[in-house]
């Protein structure tokens, strides 16, 4: 069972940038489709971005397109989310997700707070 640990969250002013990381314990990390989800206070968890096992295919929710970039380094068993031009509405707990077939694994999340 893969274990996922997020890092890189924090407090940033609107317009600023943060880079989230997700470190995976699994040596077969490259087999997993990886993604980021987020959950704002009082709201349901929502999809943010996804990257294929090779990194060749990425998908984003419309609200972050052009501002966020998902990437992965299979040699380091790590996935990243570069977040630029952050907005107060990006404030949420960000969760790392690993998917293998129909099975999902989740990290515990890292809090991102964007002040106006």
PDB file of N, CA and C in Angstrom:
ATOM      1  N   UNK A   1       0.843  -1.186   0.000  1.00  0.00           N
ATOM      2  CA  UNK A   1       0.000   0.000   0.000  1.00  0.00           C
ATOM      3  C   UNK A   1       0.882   1.242   0.000  1.00  0.00           C
ATOM      4  N   UNK A   2       0.653   2.119  -0.952  1.00  0.00           N
ATOM      5  CA  UNK A   2       1.472   3.320  -1.060  1.00  0.00           C
ATOM      6  C   UNK A   2       1.096   4.305   0.035  1.00  0.00           C
ATOM      7  N   UNK A   3       2.087   4.953   0.601  1.00  0.00           N
ATOM      8  CA  UNK A   3       1.874   6.025   1.571  1.00  0.00           C
ATOM      9  C   UNK A   3       2.297   7.339   0.941  1.00  0.00           C
ATOM     10  N   UNK A   4       1.488   8.360   1.162  1.00  0.00           N
ATOM     11  CA  UNK A   4       1.703   9.652   0.523  1.00  0.00           C
ATOM     12  C   UNK A   4       1.839  10.736   1.585  1.00  0.00           C
ATOM     13  N   UNK A   5       2.841  11.593   1.426  1.00  0.00           N
ATOM     14  CA  UNK A   5       3.069  12.680   2.376  1.00  0.00           C
ATOM     15  C   UNK A   5       3.200  13.985   1.611  1.00  0.00           C
ATOM     16  N   UNK A   6       2.277  14.901   1.887  1.00  0.00           N
ATOM     17  CA  UNK A   6       2.309  16.210   1.247  1.00  0.00           C
ATOM     18  C   UNK A   6       3.143  17.182   2.071  1.00  0.00           C
ATOM     19  N   UNK A   7       3.708  18.169   1.380  1.00  0.00           N
ATOM     20  CA  UNK A   7       4.425  19.251   2.048  1.00  0.00           C
ATOM     21  C   UNK A   7       4.387  20.481   1.155  1.00  0.00           C
ATOM     22  N   UNK A   8       4.755  21.623   1.744  1.00  0.00           N
ATOM     23  CA  UNK A   8       4.861  22.845   0.961  1.00  0.00           C
ATOM     24  C   UNK A   8       3.731  23.836   1.150  1.00  0.00           C
ATOM     25  N   UNK A   9       2.723  23.457   1.921  1.00  0.00           N
ATOM     26  CA  UNK A   9       1.639  24.390   2.164  1.00  0.00           C
ATOM     27  C   UNK A   9       2.072  25.522   3.075  1.00  0.00           C
ATOM     28  N   UNK A  10       1.198  26.528   3.192  1.00  0.00           N
ATOM     29  CA  UNK A  10       1.512  27.649   4.060  1.00  0.00           C
ATOM     30  C   UNK A  10       0.618  28.834   3.766  1.00  0.00           C
ATOM     31  N   UNK A  11       1.018  29.965   4.317  1.00  0.00           N
ATOM     32  CA  UNK A  11       0.279  31.221   4.149  1.00  0.00           C
ATOM     33  C   UNK A  11       0.983  32.079   3.110  1.00  0.00           C
ATOM     34  N   UNK A  12       0.221  32.568   2.159  1.00  0.00           N
ATOM     35  CA  UNK A  12       0.787  33.397   1.096  1.00  0.00           C
ATOM     36  C   UNK A  12      -0.221  34.485   0.739  1.00  0.00           C
ATOM     37  N   UNK A  13       0.277  35.610   0.293  1.00  0.00           N
ATOM     38  CA  UNK A  13      -0.607  36.694  -0.139  1.00  0.00           C
ATOM     39  C   UNK A  13      -1.145  36.413  -1.543  1.00  0.00           C
ATOM     40  N   UNK A  14      -2.290  36.980  -1.830  1.00  0.00           N
ATOM     41  CA  UNK A  14      -2.855  36.853  -3.164  1.00  0.00           C
ATOM     42  C   UNK A  14      -1.838  37.323  -4.205  1.00  0.00           C
ATOM     43  N   UNK A  15      -1.748  36.560  -5.283  1.00  0.00           N
ATOM     44  CA  UNK A  15      -0.770  36.847  -6.324  1.00  0.00           C
ATOM     45  C   UNK A  15       0.547  36.119  -6.144  1.00  0.00           C
ATOM     46  N   UNK A  16       0.720  35.514  -4.988  1.00  0.00           N
ATOM     47  CA  UNK A  16       1.961  34.808  -4.703  1.00  0.00           C
ATOM     48  C   UNK A  16       1.976  33.393  -5.246  1.00  0.00           C
ATOM     49  N   UNK A  17       3.045  32.671  -4.897  1.00  0.00           N
ATOM     50  CA  UNK A  17       3.248  31.315  -5.403  1.00  0.00           C
ATOM     51  C   UNK A  17       3.616  30.365  -4.276  1.00  0.00           C
ATOM     52  N   UNK A  18       3.262  29.120  -4.478  1.00  0.00           N
ATOM     53  CA  UNK A  18       3.678  28.031  -3.601  1.00  0.00           C
ATOM     54  C   UNK A  18       3.931  26.801  -4.457  1.00  0.00           C
ATOM     55  N   UNK A  19       4.795  25.921  -3.957  1.00  0.00           N
ATOM     56  CA  UNK A  19       5.033  24.646  -4.619  1.00  0.00           C
ATOM     57  C   UNK A  19       4.771  23.524  -3.635  1.00  0.00           C
ATOM     58  N   UNK A  20       3.785  22.719  -3.949  1.00  0.00           N
ATOM     59  CA  UNK A  20       3.463  21.565  -3.129  1.00  0.00           C
ATOM     60  C   UNK A  20       4.213  20.348  -3.638  1.00  0.00           C
ATOM     61  N   UNK A  21       4.572  19.485  -2.706  1.00  0.00           N
ATOM     62  CA  UNK A  21       5.213  18.219  -3.050  1.00  0.00           C
ATOM     63  C   UNK A  21       4.433  17.069  -2.430  1.00  0.00           C
ATOM     64  N   UNK A  22       4.485  15.931  -3.095  1.00  0.00           N
ATOM     65  CA  UNK A  22       3.881  14.711  -2.579  1.00  0.00           C
ATOM     66  C   UNK A  22       4.906  13.597  -2.728  1.00  0.00           C
ATOM     67  N   UNK A  23       5.403  13.109  -1.611  1.00  0.00           N
ATOM     68  CA  UNK A  23       6.387  12.033  -1.618  1.00  0.00           C
ATOM     69  C   UNK A  23       5.681  10.705  -1.392  1.00  0.00           C
ATOM     70  N   UNK A  24       5.989   9.737  -2.242  1.00  0.00           N
ATOM     71  CA  UNK A  24       5.356   8.427  -2.155  1.00  0.00           C
ATOM     72  C   UNK A  24       6.347   7.385  -1.685  1.00  0.00           C
ATOM     73  N   UNK A  25       5.835   6.442  -0.915  1.00  0.00           N
ATOM     74  CA  UNK A  25       6.697   5.403  -0.360  1.00  0.00           C
ATOM     75  C   UNK A  25       6.909   4.241  -1.316  1.00  0.00           C
ATOM     76  N   UNK A  26       6.055   4.154  -2.312  1.00  0.00           N
ATOM     77  CA  UNK A  26       6.018   2.984  -3.163  1.00  0.00           C
ATOM     78  C   UNK A  26       7.078   3.044  -4.258  1.00  0.00           C
ATOM     79  N   UNK A  27       7.847   1.920  -4.377  1.00  0.00           N
ATOM     80  CA  UNK A  27       8.884   1.895  -5.407  1.00  0.00           C
ATOM     81  C   UNK A  27       8.296   1.813  -6.802  1.00  0.00           C
ATOM     82  N   UNK A  28       7.018   1.373  -6.888  1.00  0.00           N
ATOM     83  CA  UNK A  28       6.363   1.326  -8.194  1.00  0.00           C
ATOM     84  C   UNK A  28       5.553   2.585  -8.452  1.00  0.00           C
ATOM     85  N   UNK A  29       6.027   3.683  -7.898  1.00  0.00           N
ATOM     86  CA  UNK A  29       5.371   4.992  -8.032  1.00  0.00           C
ATOM     87  C   UNK A  29       4.999   5.286  -9.469  1.00  0.00           C
ATOM     88  N   UNK A  30       5.853   4.925 -10.399  1.00  0.00           N
ATOM     89  CA  UNK A  30       5.624   5.244 -11.801  1.00  0.00           C
ATOM     90  C   UNK A  30       4.406   4.522 -12.375  1.00  0.00           C
ATOM     91  N   UNK A  31       3.890   3.545 -11.654  1.00  0.00           N
ATOM     92  CA  UNK A  31       2.710   2.820 -12.130  1.00  0.00           C
ATOM     93  C   UNK A  31       1.409   3.569 -11.848  1.00  0.00           C
ATOM     94  N   UNK A  32       1.473   4.552 -10.962  1.00  0.00           N
ATOM     95  CA  UNK A  32       0.280   5.223 -10.487  1.00  0.00           C
ATOM     96  C   UNK A  32      -0.036   6.487 -11.294  1.00  0.00           C
ATOM     97  N   UNK A  33      -1.301   6.678 -11.564  1.00  0.00           N
ATOM     98  CA  UNK A  33      -1.775   7.988 -11.982  1.00  0.00           C
ATOM     99  C   UNK A  33      -1.873   8.833 -10.718  1.00  0.00           C
ATOM    100  N   UNK A  34      -1.321  10.024 -10.766  1.00  0.00           N
ATOM    101  CA  UNK A  34      -1.253  10.866  -9.578  1.00  0.00           C
ATOM    102  C   UNK A  34      -2.108  12.118  -9.765  1.00  0.00           C
ATOM    103  N   UNK A  35      -2.584  12.632  -8.648  1.00  0.00           N
ATOM    104  CA  UNK A  35      -3.416  13.825  -8.752  1.00  0.00           C
ATOM    105  C   UNK A  35      -3.419  14.652  -7.487  1.00  0.00           C
ATOM    106  N   UNK A  36      -3.932  15.844  -7.611  1.00  0.00           N
ATOM    107  CA  UNK A  36      -4.151  16.749  -6.482  1.00  0.00           C
ATOM    108  C   UNK A  36      -5.632  17.068  -6.388  1.00  0.00           C
ATOM    109  N   UNK A  37      -6.129  17.043  -5.173  1.00  0.00           N
ATOM    110  CA  UNK A  37      -7.481  17.453  -4.866  1.00  0.00           C
ATOM    111  C   UNK A  37      -7.401  18.494  -3.759  1.00  0.00           C
ATOM    112  N   UNK A  38      -8.485  19.224  -3.562  1.00  0.00           N
ATOM    113  CA  UNK A  38      -8.494  20.193  -2.467  1.00  0.00           C
ATOM    114  C   UNK A  38      -9.880  20.260  -1.844  1.00  0.00           C
ATOM    115  N   UNK A  39      -9.887  20.677  -0.596  1.00  0.00           N
ATOM    116  CA  UNK A  39     -11.139  20.833   0.131  1.00  0.00           C
ATOM    117  C   UNK A  39     -11.116  22.129   0.913  1.00  0.00           C
ATOM    118  N   UNK A  40     -11.975  23.049   0.504  1.00  0.00           N
ATOM    119  CA  UNK A  40     -12.097  24.323   1.200  1.00  0.00           C
ATOM    120  C   UNK A  40     -13.054  24.158   2.377  1.00  0.00           C
ATOM    121  N   UNK A  41     -12.948  25.043   3.360  1.00  0.00           N
ATOM    122  CA  UNK A  41     -13.833  24.955   4.531  1.00  0.00           C
ATOM    123  C   UNK A  41     -15.303  24.938   4.140  1.00  0.00           C
ATOM    124  N   UNK A  42     -16.033  23.944   4.621  1.00  0.00           N
ATOM    125  CA  UNK A  42     -17.461  23.862   4.358  1.00  0.00           C
ATOM    126  C   UNK A  42     -17.833  23.372   2.975  1.00  0.00           C
ATOM    127  N   UNK A  43     -16.839  22.942   2.210  1.00  0.00           N
ATOM    128  CA  UNK A  43     -17.115  22.488   0.847  1.00  0.00           C
ATOM    129  C   UNK A  43     -16.643  21.050   0.648  1.00  0.00           C
ATOM    130  N   UNK A  44     -17.121  20.447  -0.427  1.00  0.00           N
ATOM    131  CA  UNK A  44     -16.710  19.086  -0.753  1.00  0.00           C
ATOM    132  C   UNK A  44     -15.319  19.095  -1.377  1.00  0.00           C
ATOM    133  N   UNK A  45     -14.661  17.958  -1.275  1.00  0.00           N
ATOM    134  CA  UNK A  45     -13.352  17.822  -1.905  1.00  0.00           C
ATOM    135  C   UNK A  45     -13.531  17.899  -3.421  1.00  0.00           C
ATOM    136  N   UNK A  46     -12.624  18.620  -4.083  1.00  0.00           N
ATOM    137  CA  UNK A  46     -12.733  18.759  -5.525  1.00  0.00           C
ATOM    138  C   UNK A  46     -11.412  18.426  -6.215  1.00  0.00           C
ATOM    139  N   UNK A  47     -11.538  17.973  -7.440  1.00  0.00           N
ATOM    140  CA  UNK A  47     -10.383  17.672  -8.271  1.00  0.00           C
ATOM    141  C   UNK A  47      -9.665  18.961  -8.662  1.00  0.00           C
ATOM    142  N   UNK A  48      -8.343  18.923  -8.638  1.00  0.00           N
ATOM    143  CA  UNK A  48      -7.541  20.073  -9.063  1.00  0.00           C
ATOM    144  C   UNK A  48      -6.751  19.746 -10.331  1.00  0.00           C
ATOM    145  N   UNK A  49      -5.970  18.658 -10.274  1.00  0.00           N
ATOM    146  CA  UNK A  49      -5.106  18.327 -11.408  1.00  0.00           C
ATOM    147  C   UNK A  49      -4.744  16.851 -11.337  1.00  0.00           C
ATOM    148  N   UNK A  50      -4.403  16.306 -12.502  1.00  0.00           N
ATOM    149  CA  UNK A  50      -4.032  14.894 -12.597  1.00  0.00           C
ATOM    150  C   UNK A  50      -2.896  14.763 -13.603  1.00  0.00           C
ATOM    151  N   UNK A  51      -2.025  13.772 -13.374  1.00  0.00           N
ATOM    152  CA  UNK A  51      -0.920  13.526 -14.292  1.00  0.00           C
ATOM    153  C   UNK A  51      -0.787  12.029 -14.500  1.00  0.00           C
ATOM    154  N   UNK A  52      -0.558  11.635 -15.732  1.00  0.00           N
ATOM    155  CA  UNK A  52      -0.439  10.219 -16.060  1.00  0.00           C
ATOM    156  C   UNK A  52       0.864   9.642 -15.528  1.00  0.00           C
ATOM    157  N   UNK A  53       0.997   8.328 -15.614  1.00  0.00           N
ATOM    158  CA  UNK A  53       2.169   7.667 -15.049  1.00  0.00           C
ATOM    159  C   UNK A  53       3.465   8.170 -15.670  1.00  0.00           C
ATOM    160  N   UNK A  54       3.439   8.500 -16.937  1.00  0.00           N
ATOM    161  CA  UNK A  54       4.639   8.952 -17.638  1.00  0.00           C
ATOM    162  C   UNK A  54       4.838  10.461 -17.531  1.00  0.00           C
ATOM    163  N   UNK A  55       3.793  11.159 -17.097  1.00  0.00           N
ATOM    164  CA  UNK A  55       3.862  12.622 -17.093  1.00  0.00           C
ATOM    165  C   UNK A  55       3.457  13.235 -18.418  1.00  0.00           C
ATOM    166  N   UNK A  56       3.110  12.404 -19.369  1.00  0.00           N
ATOM    167  CA  UNK A  56       2.811  12.917 -20.699  1.00  0.00           C
ATOM    168  C   UNK A  56       1.438  13.521 -20.860  1.00  0.00           C
ATOM    169  N   UNK A  57       0.544  13.196 -19.933  1.00  0.00           N
ATOM    170  CA  UNK A  57      -0.823  13.715 -20.005  1.00  0.00           C
ATOM    171  C   UNK A  57      -1.183  14.370 -18.681  1.00  0.00           C
ATOM    172  N   UNK A  58      -1.697  15.586 -18.770  1.00  0.00           N
ATOM    173  CA  UNK A  58      -2.139  16.297 -17.575  1.00  0.00           C
ATOM    174  C   UNK A  58      -3.540  16.860 -17.805  1.00  0.00           C
ATOM    175  N   UNK A  59      -4.266  16.986 -16.712  1.00  0.00           N
ATOM    176  CA  UNK A  59      -5.601  17.572 -16.748  1.00  0.00           C
ATOM    177  C   UNK A  59      -5.759  18.516 -15.566  1.00  0.00           C
ATOM    178  N   UNK A  60      -6.532  19.573 -15.765  1.00  0.00           N
ATOM    179  CA  UNK A  60      -6.743  20.559 -14.712  1.00  0.00           C
ATOM    180  C   UNK A  60      -8.213  20.959 -14.640  1.00  0.00           C
ATOM    181  N   UNK A  61      -8.630  21.327 -13.454  1.00  0.00           N
ATOM    182  CA  UNK A  61      -9.937  21.963 -13.326  1.00  0.00           C
ATOM    183  C   UNK A  61      -9.828  23.353 -13.947  1.00  0.00           C
ATOM    184  N   UNK A  62     -10.906  23.829 -14.529  1.00  0.00           N
ATOM    185  CA  UNK A  62     -10.850  25.090 -15.266  1.00  0.00           C
ATOM    186  C   UNK A  62     -10.351  26.256 -14.415  1.00  0.00           C
ATOM    187  N   UNK A  63     -10.679  26.248 -13.139  1.00  0.00           N
ATOM    188  CA  UNK A  63     -10.360  27.390 -12.286  1.00  0.00           C
ATOM    189  C   UNK A  63      -8.866  27.572 -12.037  1.00  0.00           C
ATOM    190  N   UNK A  64      -8.049  26.562 -12.337  1.00  0.00           N
ATOM    191  CA  UNK A  64      -6.606  26.685 -12.096  1.00  0.00           C
ATOM    192  C   UNK A  64      -5.789  26.649 -13.376  1.00  0.00           C
ATOM    193  N   UNK A  65      -6.429  26.440 -14.504  1.00  0.00           N
ATOM    194  CA  UNK A  65      -5.709  26.375 -15.778  1.00  0.00           C
ATOM    195  C   UNK A  65      -4.946  27.678 -16.020  1.00  0.00           C
ATOM    196  N   UNK A  66      -3.692  27.532 -16.421  1.00  0.00           N
ATOM    197  CA  UNK A  66      -2.848  28.686 -16.673  1.00  0.00           C
ATOM    198  C   UNK A  66      -2.154  29.225 -15.437  1.00  0.00           C
ATOM    199  N   UNK A  67      -2.545  28.744 -14.260  1.00  0.00           N
ATOM    200  CA  UNK A  67      -1.927  29.201 -13.003  1.00  0.00           C
ATOM    201  C   UNK A  67      -1.182  28.083 -12.293  1.00  0.00           C
ATOM    202  N   UNK A  68      -1.702  26.861 -12.349  1.00  0.00           N
ATOM    203  CA  UNK A  68      -1.098  25.722 -11.666  1.00  0.00           C
ATOM    204  C   UNK A  68      -0.459  24.791 -12.694  1.00  0.00           C
ATOM    205  N   UNK A  69       0.637  24.144 -12.270  1.00  0.00           N
ATOM    206  CA  UNK A  69       1.296  23.157 -13.115  1.00  0.00           C
ATOM    207  C   UNK A  69       1.607  21.912 -12.288  1.00  0.00           C
ATOM    208  N   UNK A  70       1.120  20.772 -12.753  1.00  0.00           N
ATOM    209  CA  UNK A  70       1.402  19.506 -12.083  1.00  0.00           C
ATOM    210  C   UNK A  70       2.561  18.830 -12.803  1.00  0.00           C
ATOM    211  N   UNK A  71       3.418  18.183 -12.035  1.00  0.00           N
ATOM    212  CA  UNK A  71       4.556  17.469 -12.616  1.00  0.00           C
ATOM    213  C   UNK A  71       4.933  16.324 -11.685  1.00  0.00           C
ATOM    214  N   UNK A  72       5.800  15.453 -12.173  1.00  0.00           N
ATOM    215  CA  UNK A  72       6.250  14.339 -11.349  1.00  0.00           C
ATOM    216  C   UNK A  72       7.673  13.977 -11.722  1.00  0.00           C
ATOM    217  N   UNK A  73       8.376  13.414 -10.741  1.00  0.00           N
ATOM    218  CA  UNK A  73       9.714  12.899 -10.946  1.00  0.00           C
ATOM    219  C   UNK A  73       9.691  11.451 -10.467  1.00  0.00           C
ATOM    220  N   UNK A  74       9.561  10.531 -11.394  1.00  0.00           N
ATOM    221  CA  UNK A  74       9.443   9.120 -11.014  1.00  0.00           C
ATOM    222  C   UNK A  74      10.714   8.583 -10.359  1.00  0.00           C
ATOM    223  N   UNK A  75      11.843   9.168 -10.687  1.00  0.00           N
ATOM    224  CA  UNK A  75      13.100   8.725 -10.067  1.00  0.00           C
ATOM    225  C   UNK A  75      13.133   9.079  -8.582  1.00  0.00           C
ATOM    226  N   UNK A  76      12.391  10.116  -8.204  1.00  0.00           N
ATOM    227  CA  UNK A  76      12.353  10.555  -6.805  1.00  0.00           C
ATOM    228  C   UNK A  76      11.050  10.169  -6.107  1.00  0.00           C
ATOM    229  N   UNK A  77      10.179   9.446  -6.815  1.00  0.00           N
ATOM    230  CA  UNK A  77       8.883   9.063  -6.238  1.00  0.00           C
ATOM    231  C   UNK A  77       8.133  10.274  -5.708  1.00  0.00           C
ATOM    232  N   UNK A  78       8.148  11.359  -6.452  1.00  0.00           N
ATOM    233  CA  UNK A  78       7.581  12.610  -5.978  1.00  0.00           C
ATOM    234  C   UNK A  78       6.773  13.297  -7.064  1.00  0.00           C
ATOM    235  N   UNK A  79       5.665  13.883  -6.636  1.00  0.00           N
ATOM    236  CA  UNK A  79       4.822  14.681  -7.517  1.00  0.00           C
ATOM    237  C   UNK A  79       4.801  16.113  -6.986  1.00  0.00           C
ATOM    238  N   UNK A  80       4.579  17.063  -7.889  1.00  0.00           N
ATOM    239  CA  UNK A  80       4.603  18.470  -7.504  1.00  0.00           C
ATOM    240  C   UNK A  80       3.362  19.195  -8.027  1.00  0.00           C
ATOM    241  N   UNK A  81       3.061  20.304  -7.361  1.00  0.00           N
ATOM    242  CA  UNK A  81       2.047  21.218  -7.879  1.00  0.00           C
ATOM    243  C   UNK A  81       2.588  22.632  -7.699  1.00  0.00           C
ATOM    244  N   UNK A  82       2.977  23.244  -8.803  1.00  0.00           N
ATOM    245  CA  UNK A  82       3.419  24.633  -8.781  1.00  0.00           C
ATOM    246  C   UNK A  82       2.189  25.516  -8.917  1.00  0.00           C
ATOM    247  N   UNK A  83       1.980  26.355  -7.928  1.00  0.00           N
ATOM    248  CA  UNK A  83       0.805  27.214  -7.904  1.00  0.00           C
ATOM    249  C   UNK A  83       1.231  28.669  -7.981  1.00  0.00           C
ATOM    250  N   UNK A  84       0.854  29.333  -9.039  1.00  0.00           N
ATOM    251  CA  UNK A  84       1.180  30.739  -9.245  1.00  0.00           C
ATOM    252  C   UNK A  84      -0.098  31.579  -9.261  1.00  0.00           C
ATOM    253  N   UNK A  85       0.075  32.862  -9.109  1.00  0.00           N
ATOM    254  CA  UNK A  85      -1.064  33.797  -9.138  1.00  0.00           C
ATOM    255  C   UNK A  85      -2.188  33.322  -8.229  1.00  0.00           C
ATOM    256  N   UNK A  86      -1.819  32.972  -7.023  1.00  0.00           N
ATOM    257  CA  UNK A  86      -2.797  32.413  -6.098  1.00  0.00           C
ATOM    258  C   UNK A  86      -3.867  33.424  -5.727  1.00  0.00           C
ATOM    259  N   UNK A  87      -5.071  32.906  -5.518  1.00  0.00           N
ATOM    260  CA  UNK A  87      -6.231  33.727  -5.184  1.00  0.00           C
ATOM    261  C   UNK A  87      -6.789  33.261  -3.833  1.00  0.00           C
ATOM    262  N   UNK A  88      -7.490  34.130  -3.139  1.00  0.00           N
ATOM    263  CA  UNK A  88      -8.087  33.710  -1.861  1.00  0.00           C
ATOM    264  C   UNK A  88      -8.971  32.472  -2.005  1.00  0.00           C
ATOM    265  N   UNK A  89      -9.611  32.315  -3.137  1.00  0.00           N
ATOM    266  CA  UNK A  89     -10.479  31.152  -3.338  1.00  0.00           C
ATOM    267  C   UNK A  89      -9.704  29.850  -3.533  1.00  0.00           C
ATOM    268  N   UNK A  90      -8.382  29.937  -3.609  1.00  0.00           N
ATOM    269  CA  UNK A  90      -7.553  28.728  -3.653  1.00  0.00           C
ATOM    270  C   UNK A  90      -7.287  28.188  -2.248  1.00  0.00           C
ATOM    271  N   UNK A  91      -7.703  28.924  -1.238  1.00  0.00           N
ATOM    272  CA  UNK A  91      -7.503  28.477   0.138  1.00  0.00           C
ATOM    273  C   UNK A  91      -8.217  27.153   0.378  1.00  0.00           C
ATOM    274  N   UNK A  92      -7.454  26.148   0.833  1.00  0.00           N
ATOM    275  CA  UNK A  92      -8.007  24.812   1.034  1.00  0.00           C
ATOM    276  C   UNK A  92      -6.926  23.906   1.602  1.00  0.00           C
ATOM    277  N   UNK A  93      -7.348  22.742   2.035  1.00  0.00           N
ATOM    278  CA  UNK A  93      -6.404  21.664   2.303  1.00  0.00           C
ATOM    279  C   UNK A  93      -6.205  20.913   0.992  1.00  0.00           C
ATOM    280  N   UNK A  94      -4.960  20.764   0.599  1.00  0.00           N
ATOM    281  CA  UNK A  94      -4.636  20.094  -0.656  1.00  0.00           C
ATOM    282  C   UNK A  94      -4.191  18.659  -0.366  1.00  0.00           C
ATOM    283  N   UNK A  95      -4.800  17.728  -1.076  1.00  0.00           N
ATOM    284  CA  UNK A  95      -4.547  16.314  -0.873  1.00  0.00           C
ATOM    285  C   UNK A  95      -3.892  15.687  -2.100  1.00  0.00           C
ATOM    286  N   UNK A  96      -2.929  14.849  -1.839  1.00  0.00           N
ATOM    287  CA  UNK A  96      -2.276  14.062  -2.870  1.00  0.00           C
ATOM    288  C   UNK A  96      -3.074  12.769  -3.061  1.00  0.00           C
ATOM    289  N   UNK A  97      -3.236  12.369  -4.305  1.00  0.00           N
ATOM    290  CA  UNK A  97      -3.979  11.156  -4.636  1.00  0.00           C
ATOM    291  C   UNK A  97      -3.156  10.296  -5.571  1.00  0.00           C
ATOM    292  N   UNK A  98      -3.155   8.996  -5.292  1.00  0.00           N
ATOM    293  CA  UNK A  98      -2.515   8.012  -6.168  1.00  0.00           C
ATOM    294  C   UNK A  98      -3.576   6.999  -6.567  1.00  0.00           C
ATOM    295  N   UNK A  99      -3.666   6.737  -7.847  1.00  0.00           N
ATOM    296  CA  UNK A  99      -4.687   5.810  -8.357  1.00  0.00           C
ATOM    297  C   UNK A  99      -4.026   4.694  -9.151  1.00  0.00           C
ATOM    298  N   UNK A 100      -4.429   3.464  -8.777  1.00  0.00           N
ATOM    299  CA  UNK A 100      -3.961   2.297  -9.507  1.00  0.00           C
ATOM    300  C   UNK A 100      -5.195   1.458  -9.810  1.00  0.00           C
ATOM    301  N   UNK A 101      -5.608   1.445 -11.051  1.00  0.00           N
ATOM    302  CA  UNK A 101      -6.845   0.768 -11.393  1.00  0.00           C
ATOM    303  C   UNK A 101      -8.021   1.506 -10.792  1.00  0.00           C
ATOM    304  N   UNK A 102      -8.758   0.832  -9.925  1.00  0.00           N
ATOM    305  CA  UNK A 102      -9.921   1.441  -9.265  1.00  0.00           C
ATOM    306  C   UNK A 102      -9.636   1.776  -7.804  1.00  0.00           C
ATOM    307  N   UNK A 103      -8.401   1.643  -7.391  1.00  0.00           N
ATOM    308  CA  UNK A 103      -8.040   1.882  -5.996  1.00  0.00           C
ATOM    309  C   UNK A 103      -7.373   3.244  -5.855  1.00  0.00           C
ATOM    310  N   UNK A 104      -7.871   4.016  -4.896  1.00  0.00           N
ATOM    311  CA  UNK A 104      -7.324   5.335  -4.597  1.00  0.00           C
ATOM    312  C   UNK A 104      -6.617   5.328  -3.258  1.00  0.00           C
ATOM    313  N   UNK A 105      -5.497   6.039  -3.203  1.00  0.00           N
ATOM    314  CA  UNK A 105      -4.776   6.264  -1.966  1.00  0.00           C
ATOM    315  C   UNK A 105      -4.666   7.766  -1.760  1.00  0.00           C
ATOM    316  N   UNK A 106      -4.688   8.170  -0.474  1.00  0.00           N
ATOM    317  CA  UNK A 106      -4.703   9.593  -0.142  1.00  0.00           C
ATOM    318  C   UNK A 106      -3.652   9.936   0.896  1.00  0.00           C
ATOM    319  N   UNK A 107      -3.108  11.127   0.757  1.00  0.00           N
ATOM    320  CA  UNK A 107      -2.289  11.671   1.823  1.00  0.00           C
ATOM    321  C   UNK A 107      -3.172  12.359   2.841  1.00  0.00           C
ATOM    322  N   UNK A 108      -2.540  12.912   3.873  1.00  0.00           N
ATOM    323  CA  UNK A 108      -3.295  13.567   4.941  1.00  0.00           C
ATOM    324  C   UNK A 108      -3.574  15.031   4.660  1.00  0.00           C
ATOM    325  N   UNK A 109      -2.926  15.575   3.655  1.00  0.00           N
ATOM    326  CA  UNK A 109      -3.209  16.938   3.232  1.00  0.00           C
ATOM    327  C   UNK A 109      -2.247  17.969   3.774  1.00  0.00           C
ATOM    328  N   UNK A 110      -2.167  19.081   3.060  1.00  0.00           N
ATOM    329  CA  UNK A 110      -1.374  20.229   3.496  1.00  0.00           C
ATOM    330  C   UNK A 110      -2.206  21.481   3.264  1.00  0.00           C
ATOM    331  N   UNK A 111      -2.210  22.374   4.252  1.00  0.00           N
ATOM    332  CA  UNK A 111      -3.080  23.549   4.210  1.00  0.00           C
ATOM    333  C   UNK A 111      -2.430  24.688   3.440  1.00  0.00           C
ATOM    334  N   UNK A 112      -3.178  25.224   2.507  1.00  0.00           N
ATOM    335  CA  UNK A 112      -2.781  26.417   1.763  1.00  0.00           C
ATOM    336  C   UNK A 112      -3.767  27.532   2.095  1.00  0.00           C
ATOM    337  N   UNK A 113      -3.233  28.645   2.585  1.00  0.00           N
ATOM    338  CA  UNK A 113      -4.065  29.788   2.927  1.00  0.00           C
ATOM    339  C   UNK A 113      -3.592  30.992   2.128  1.00  0.00           C
ATOM    340  N   UNK A 114      -4.498  31.575   1.364  1.00  0.00           N
ATOM    341  CA  UNK A 114      -4.176  32.733   0.534  1.00  0.00           C
ATOM    342  C   UNK A 114      -4.917  33.943   1.090  1.00  0.00           C
ATOM    343  N   UNK A 115      -4.159  34.920   1.546  1.00  0.00           N
ATOM    344  CA  UNK A 115      -4.763  36.116   2.123  1.00  0.00           C
ATOM    345  C   UNK A 115      -4.972  37.179   1.052  1.00  0.00           C
ATOM    346  N   UNK A 116      -6.009  37.967   1.236  1.00  0.00           N
ATOM    347  CA  UNK A 116      -6.329  39.012   0.239  1.00  0.00           C
ATOM    348  C   UNK A 116      -5.660  40.326   0.584  1.00  0.00           C
TER     349      UNK A 116
END
